[in-house]
Amino acid sequence: MKIIGVIPSRYQSSRFPGKPLAEICGKPMIYWVYQQVKKVEAFDDVFVATDSDKIEAVCKEYGMKVIMTSDKHQTGTDRLGEVAQKLEADFYVNIQGDEPMIEPETVAKVVTYKMEHPEVEVINTITPIREEAEITSNTCVKVVTNGQDDGIYLSRSPIPYPKKGQDITYMKHLGLYGLSRKALLFFASAERTKLEQIEDIEMLRFVENHVNIKFVTVDSATIAVDRPEDIARVEAAMKKKLEQ
């Protein structure tokens, strides 16, 4: 089974333009993400997928494999779909380009699940929400699954709703997921669905088209860089890790 790790990376960002090239401890953020992903031994290859000449140039400068994609993609999964059209593999793992401390062992769990369940086409990851503010934040996507870890629904609203005040653990969607080539080519050819457009959650395209998503629970403590002020947090965490 050929498995490729892909890091979608675009230069334009409403909250943080040029984010992938933001300097962290003397090197661009995309460099750190790539180095972490390269540690996953099960990957046959790792690519940065971008629509930016600037990002392409930096990747080549640091010896990272890069593939150019269209600037028309609305989601990272659409970009991944183009990668699947250009690079043939059995399974593609999407890794967010704004998590410079992503744990290789967390990424590897997606690959392990695929190896153990080769028939599964779409694998996503979730983790318990630990910060109360994320429960009501519309930037945090919540997930509800059944007893077999199949995805039932994803929403920016708090789900499920505890009508009787039950103490529940909310689960949030991570930008770490894997898809078969078949699933990716379907996604790239399918139109955006009604709920996908309402919630602005691309995985709902699979849900609405009756393509099952398996969710793997992981314990990830990585720090995502959403805004410029997050850089200091990441640098402090990196330095602390080096001191250990």
Protein backbone atom coordinates (compact mmCIF):
# COMPACT_ATOMS: atom_id res chain seq x y z
CA MET A 1 0.00 0.00 0.00
CA LYS A 2 1.48 3.34 -1.06
CA ILE A 3 0.81 6.12 1.45
CA ILE A 4 1.64 9.80 0.95
CA GLY A 5 1.65 12.57 3.52
CA VAL A 6 0.39 15.90 2.15
CA ILE A 7 0.64 19.33 3.79
CA PRO A 8 -1.74 21.77 2.04
CA SER A 9 -0.28 25.25 2.35
CA ARG A 10 -1.61 28.53 0.98
CA TYR A 11 -0.07 31.96 1.33
CA GLN A 12 -3.31 33.93 1.62
CA SER A 13 -5.03 33.90 5.00
CA SER A 14 -7.59 36.37 6.30
CA ARG A 15 -6.25 36.24 9.85
CA PHE A 16 -2.56 35.72 9.12
CA PRO A 17 -1.33 36.39 5.54
CA GLY A 18 1.88 34.53 4.71
CA LYS A 19 1.44 32.24 7.73
CA PRO A 20 3.34 29.20 6.32
CA LEU A 21 6.47 31.35 5.95
CA ALA A 22 6.26 32.95 9.40
CA GLU A 23 9.59 32.52 11.15
CA ILE A 24 9.74 30.20 14.15
CA CYS A 25 13.11 29.76 15.85
CA GLY A 26 14.87 30.99 12.72
CA LYS A 27 13.06 28.86 10.13
CA PRO A 28 9.70 29.11 8.30
CA MET A 29 6.78 27.34 9.95
CA ILE A 30 6.23 25.02 6.98
CA TYR A 31 9.79 23.70 7.52
CA TRP A 32 8.97 22.55 11.05
CA VAL A 33 5.72 20.88 9.99
CA TYR A 34 7.51 19.03 7.18
CA GLN A 35 10.27 17.79 9.50
CA GLN A 36 7.74 16.37 11.95
CA VAL A 37 5.76 14.62 9.21
CA LYS A 38 8.93 13.13 7.70
CA LYS A 39 9.41 11.22 10.97
CA VAL A 40 6.39 9.04 10.15
CA GLU A 41 8.13 5.91 8.86
CA ALA A 42 5.02 4.52 7.14
CA PHE A 43 4.94 7.35 4.59
CA ASP A 44 6.35 6.52 1.18
CA ASP A 45 6.66 10.24 0.49
CA VAL A 46 5.76 13.66 1.89
CA PHE A 47 4.76 16.71 -0.16
CA VAL A 48 3.78 20.30 0.49
CA ALA A 49 0.84 21.20 -1.78
CA THR A 50 0.62 24.92 -2.49
CA ASP A 51 -0.60 27.55 -4.94
CA SER A 52 2.10 30.03 -3.94
CA ASP A 53 5.35 30.63 -5.81
CA LYS A 54 6.83 32.03 -2.57
CA ILE A 55 6.06 28.86 -0.64
CA GLU A 56 7.33 26.71 -3.51
CA ALA A 57 10.63 28.63 -3.52
CA VAL A 58 11.10 28.22 0.24
CA CYS A 59 10.33 24.49 0.05
CA LYS A 60 12.97 24.02 -2.62
CA GLU A 61 15.45 26.11 -0.62
CA TYR A 62 15.06 23.75 2.34
CA GLY A 63 14.98 20.56 0.28
CA MET A 64 11.29 19.83 0.81
CA LYS A 65 9.23 18.15 -1.90
CA VAL A 66 6.51 20.45 -3.20
CA ILE A 67 3.70 20.19 -5.73
CA MET A 68 1.95 23.19 -7.25
CA THR A 69 -1.85 23.21 -7.26
CA SER A 70 -4.62 25.54 -8.38
CA ASP A 71 -5.42 28.76 -6.51
CA LYS A 72 -9.16 28.12 -7.01
CA HIS A 73 -9.58 25.48 -4.31
CA GLN A 74 -12.06 26.37 -1.58
CA THR A 75 -10.81 23.77 0.91
CA GLY A 76 -7.69 21.83 1.78
CA THR A 77 -9.43 18.61 0.77
CA ASP A 78 -10.09 20.03 -2.70
CA ARG A 79 -6.37 20.75 -2.94
CA LEU A 80 -5.66 17.20 -1.78
CA GLY A 81 -7.97 15.97 -4.54
CA GLU A 82 -5.79 17.64 -7.15
CA VAL A 83 -2.74 16.01 -5.59
CA ALA A 84 -4.45 12.63 -5.98
CA GLN A 85 -4.96 13.37 -9.67
CA LYS A 86 -1.26 14.17 -10.11
CA LEU A 87 0.38 11.68 -7.73
CA GLU A 88 -0.93 8.12 -7.67
CA ALA A 89 -1.09 6.43 -4.30
CA ASP A 90 -3.50 4.25 -2.33
CA PHE A 91 -3.96 6.57 0.64
CA TYR A 92 -3.29 10.24 1.32
CA VAL A 93 -2.91 11.75 4.78
CA ASN A 94 -3.70 15.44 5.19
CA ILE A 95 -1.64 17.31 7.78
CA GLN A 96 -2.37 20.93 8.68
CA GLY A 97 0.42 23.32 7.74
CA ASP A 98 -0.05 25.46 10.83
CA GLU A 99 0.94 22.90 13.47
CA PRO A 100 4.76 23.01 13.66
CA MET A 101 4.80 20.70 16.68
CA ILE A 102 2.43 18.04 15.34
CA GLU A 103 3.37 14.73 16.93
CA PRO A 104 4.55 12.06 14.44
CA GLU A 105 2.95 9.37 16.60
CA THR A 106 -0.42 11.14 16.29
CA VAL A 107 -0.12 11.24 12.49
CA ALA A 108 0.92 7.59 12.49
CA LYS A 109 -2.35 6.59 14.18
CA VAL A 110 -4.25 7.44 10.99
CA VAL A 111 -1.92 5.20 8.99
CA THR A 112 -2.15 2.39 11.54
CA TYR A 113 -5.94 2.48 11.44
CA LYS A 114 -5.86 2.24 7.64
CA MET A 115 -3.47 -0.71 7.78
CA GLU A 116 -5.76 -2.50 10.22
CA HIS A 117 -8.93 -1.60 8.29
CA PRO A 118 -7.91 -1.44 4.59
CA GLU A 119 -11.55 -1.28 3.49
CA VAL A 120 -12.09 2.12 5.16
CA GLU A 121 -12.04 4.99 2.66
CA VAL A 122 -12.14 8.04 4.96
CA ILE A 123 -10.45 8.34 8.37
CA ASN A 124 -10.62 11.48 10.52
CA THR A 125 -9.25 12.28 13.96
CA ILE A 126 -10.93 13.81 17.00
CA THR A 127 -9.79 14.77 20.47
CA PRO A 128 -11.63 15.80 23.66
CA ILE A 129 -12.24 19.53 24.09
CA ARG A 130 -10.38 20.71 27.17
CA GLU A 131 -10.97 24.46 26.95
CA GLU A 132 -14.54 25.50 27.72
CA ALA A 133 -14.35 28.43 25.29
CA GLU A 134 -13.96 26.03 22.38
CA ILE A 135 -17.35 24.46 23.04
CA THR A 136 -19.16 27.57 21.86
CA SER A 137 -16.49 28.80 19.43
CA ASN A 138 -17.59 28.63 15.80
CA THR A 139 -13.99 28.06 14.71
CA CYS A 140 -13.96 24.73 16.57
CA VAL A 141 -15.78 21.95 14.74
CA LYS A 142 -17.58 19.52 17.04
CA VAL A 143 -18.19 15.88 16.08
CA VAL A 144 -20.79 13.29 17.06
CA THR A 145 -20.11 9.60 16.41
CA ASN A 146 -21.96 6.36 17.10
CA GLY A 147 -20.74 3.35 19.07
CA GLN A 148 -18.77 2.07 16.08
CA ASP A 149 -16.86 5.38 15.62
CA ASP A 150 -18.83 6.27 12.48
CA GLY A 151 -19.38 9.98 11.95
CA ILE A 152 -23.01 11.06 12.40
CA TYR A 153 -22.61 14.82 12.14
CA LEU A 154 -20.10 17.67 12.35
CA SER A 155 -21.08 21.16 13.42
CA ARG A 156 -19.75 24.50 14.58
CA SER A 157 -22.49 24.45 17.21
CA PRO A 158 -22.10 22.52 20.50
CA ILE A 159 -23.30 18.97 19.79
CA PRO A 160 -24.72 16.85 21.28
CA TYR A 161 -26.92 19.16 23.38
CA PRO A 162 -27.28 18.01 27.04
CA LYS A 163 -31.01 18.68 27.50
CA LYS A 164 -31.04 17.35 31.05
CA GLY A 165 -27.75 18.92 32.03
CA GLN A 166 -25.72 15.76 31.63
CA ASP A 167 -21.97 16.01 32.07
CA ILE A 168 -20.63 15.20 28.60
CA THR A 169 -17.31 15.35 26.81
CA TYR A 170 -17.38 17.31 23.59
CA MET A 171 -15.13 16.09 20.79
CA LYS A 172 -13.47 18.39 18.30
CA HIS A 173 -12.37 17.67 14.75
CA LEU A 174 -8.67 17.89 13.95
CA GLY A 175 -7.22 18.83 10.60
CA LEU A 176 -5.49 15.46 10.46
CA TYR A 177 -7.24 12.93 8.26
CA GLY A 178 -6.64 10.31 5.60
CA LEU A 179 -8.51 9.44 2.43
CA SER A 180 -8.25 6.77 -0.23
CA ARG A 181 -7.63 7.84 -3.81
CA LYS A 182 -11.19 6.79 -4.66
CA ALA A 183 -12.64 9.00 -1.91
CA LEU A 184 -10.50 11.96 -2.92
CA LEU A 185 -11.37 11.76 -6.59
CA PHE A 186 -15.05 11.55 -5.63
CA PHE A 187 -14.71 14.60 -3.37
CA ALA A 188 -12.95 16.60 -6.09
CA SER A 189 -15.68 15.80 -8.63
CA ALA A 190 -18.69 16.30 -6.33
CA GLU A 191 -20.42 19.63 -5.85
CA ARG A 192 -20.52 21.33 -2.46
CA THR A 193 -23.53 20.05 -0.56
CA LYS A 194 -26.24 22.00 1.24
CA LEU A 195 -25.09 21.39 4.81
CA GLU A 196 -21.45 21.74 3.82
CA GLN A 197 -22.17 25.24 2.60
CA ILE A 198 -24.27 26.16 5.64
CA GLU A 199 -21.72 24.95 8.20
CA ASP A 200 -18.66 25.51 5.99
CA ILE A 201 -17.33 22.07 6.94
CA GLU A 202 -15.99 20.12 3.97
CA MET A 203 -16.32 16.67 5.57
CA LEU A 204 -20.09 17.08 5.42
CA ARG A 205 -19.77 16.47 1.68
CA PHE A 206 -19.02 12.85 2.53
CA VAL A 207 -21.75 12.63 5.18
CA GLU A 208 -24.40 14.00 2.84
CA ASN A 209 -23.35 11.61 0.08
CA HIS A 210 -23.50 8.57 2.41
CA VAL A 211 -19.73 8.03 2.42
CA ASN A 212 -18.84 6.72 5.86
CA ILE A 213 -16.20 8.50 7.95
CA LYS A 214 -14.40 6.58 10.67
CA PHE A 215 -13.15 8.72 13.56
CA VAL A 216 -10.01 7.87 15.52
CA THR A 217 -9.65 9.46 18.95
CA VAL A 218 -6.18 10.87 19.63
CA ASP A 219 -4.62 12.74 22.52
CA SER A 220 -2.94 15.62 20.74
CA ALA A 221 -1.35 18.54 22.57
CA THR A 222 0.02 20.37 19.53
CA ILE A 223 -0.26 24.17 19.26
CA ALA A 224 -1.91 25.52 16.13
CA VAL A 225 -0.78 28.89 14.76
CA ASP A 226 -3.92 30.84 13.91
CA ARG A 227 -2.68 34.37 14.60
CA PRO A 228 0.73 36.12 14.78
CA GLU A 229 0.61 36.13 18.58
CA ASP A 230 0.63 32.30 18.57
CA ILE A 231 4.22 32.30 17.29
CA ALA A 232 5.60 33.21 20.73
CA ARG A 233 3.68 30.31 22.33
CA VAL A 234 5.12 27.83 19.85
CA GLU A 235 8.68 29.12 20.23
CA ALA A 236 8.42 28.88 24.01
CA ALA A 237 7.10 25.31 23.76
CA MET A 238 9.87 24.33 21.33
CA LYS A 239 12.58 25.74 23.57
CA LYS A 240 11.10 24.02 26.60
CA LYS A 241 11.06 20.70 24.75
CA LEU A 242 14.73 21.10 23.77
CA GLU A 243 15.64 21.70 27.41
CA GLN A 244 13.99 18.47 28.56
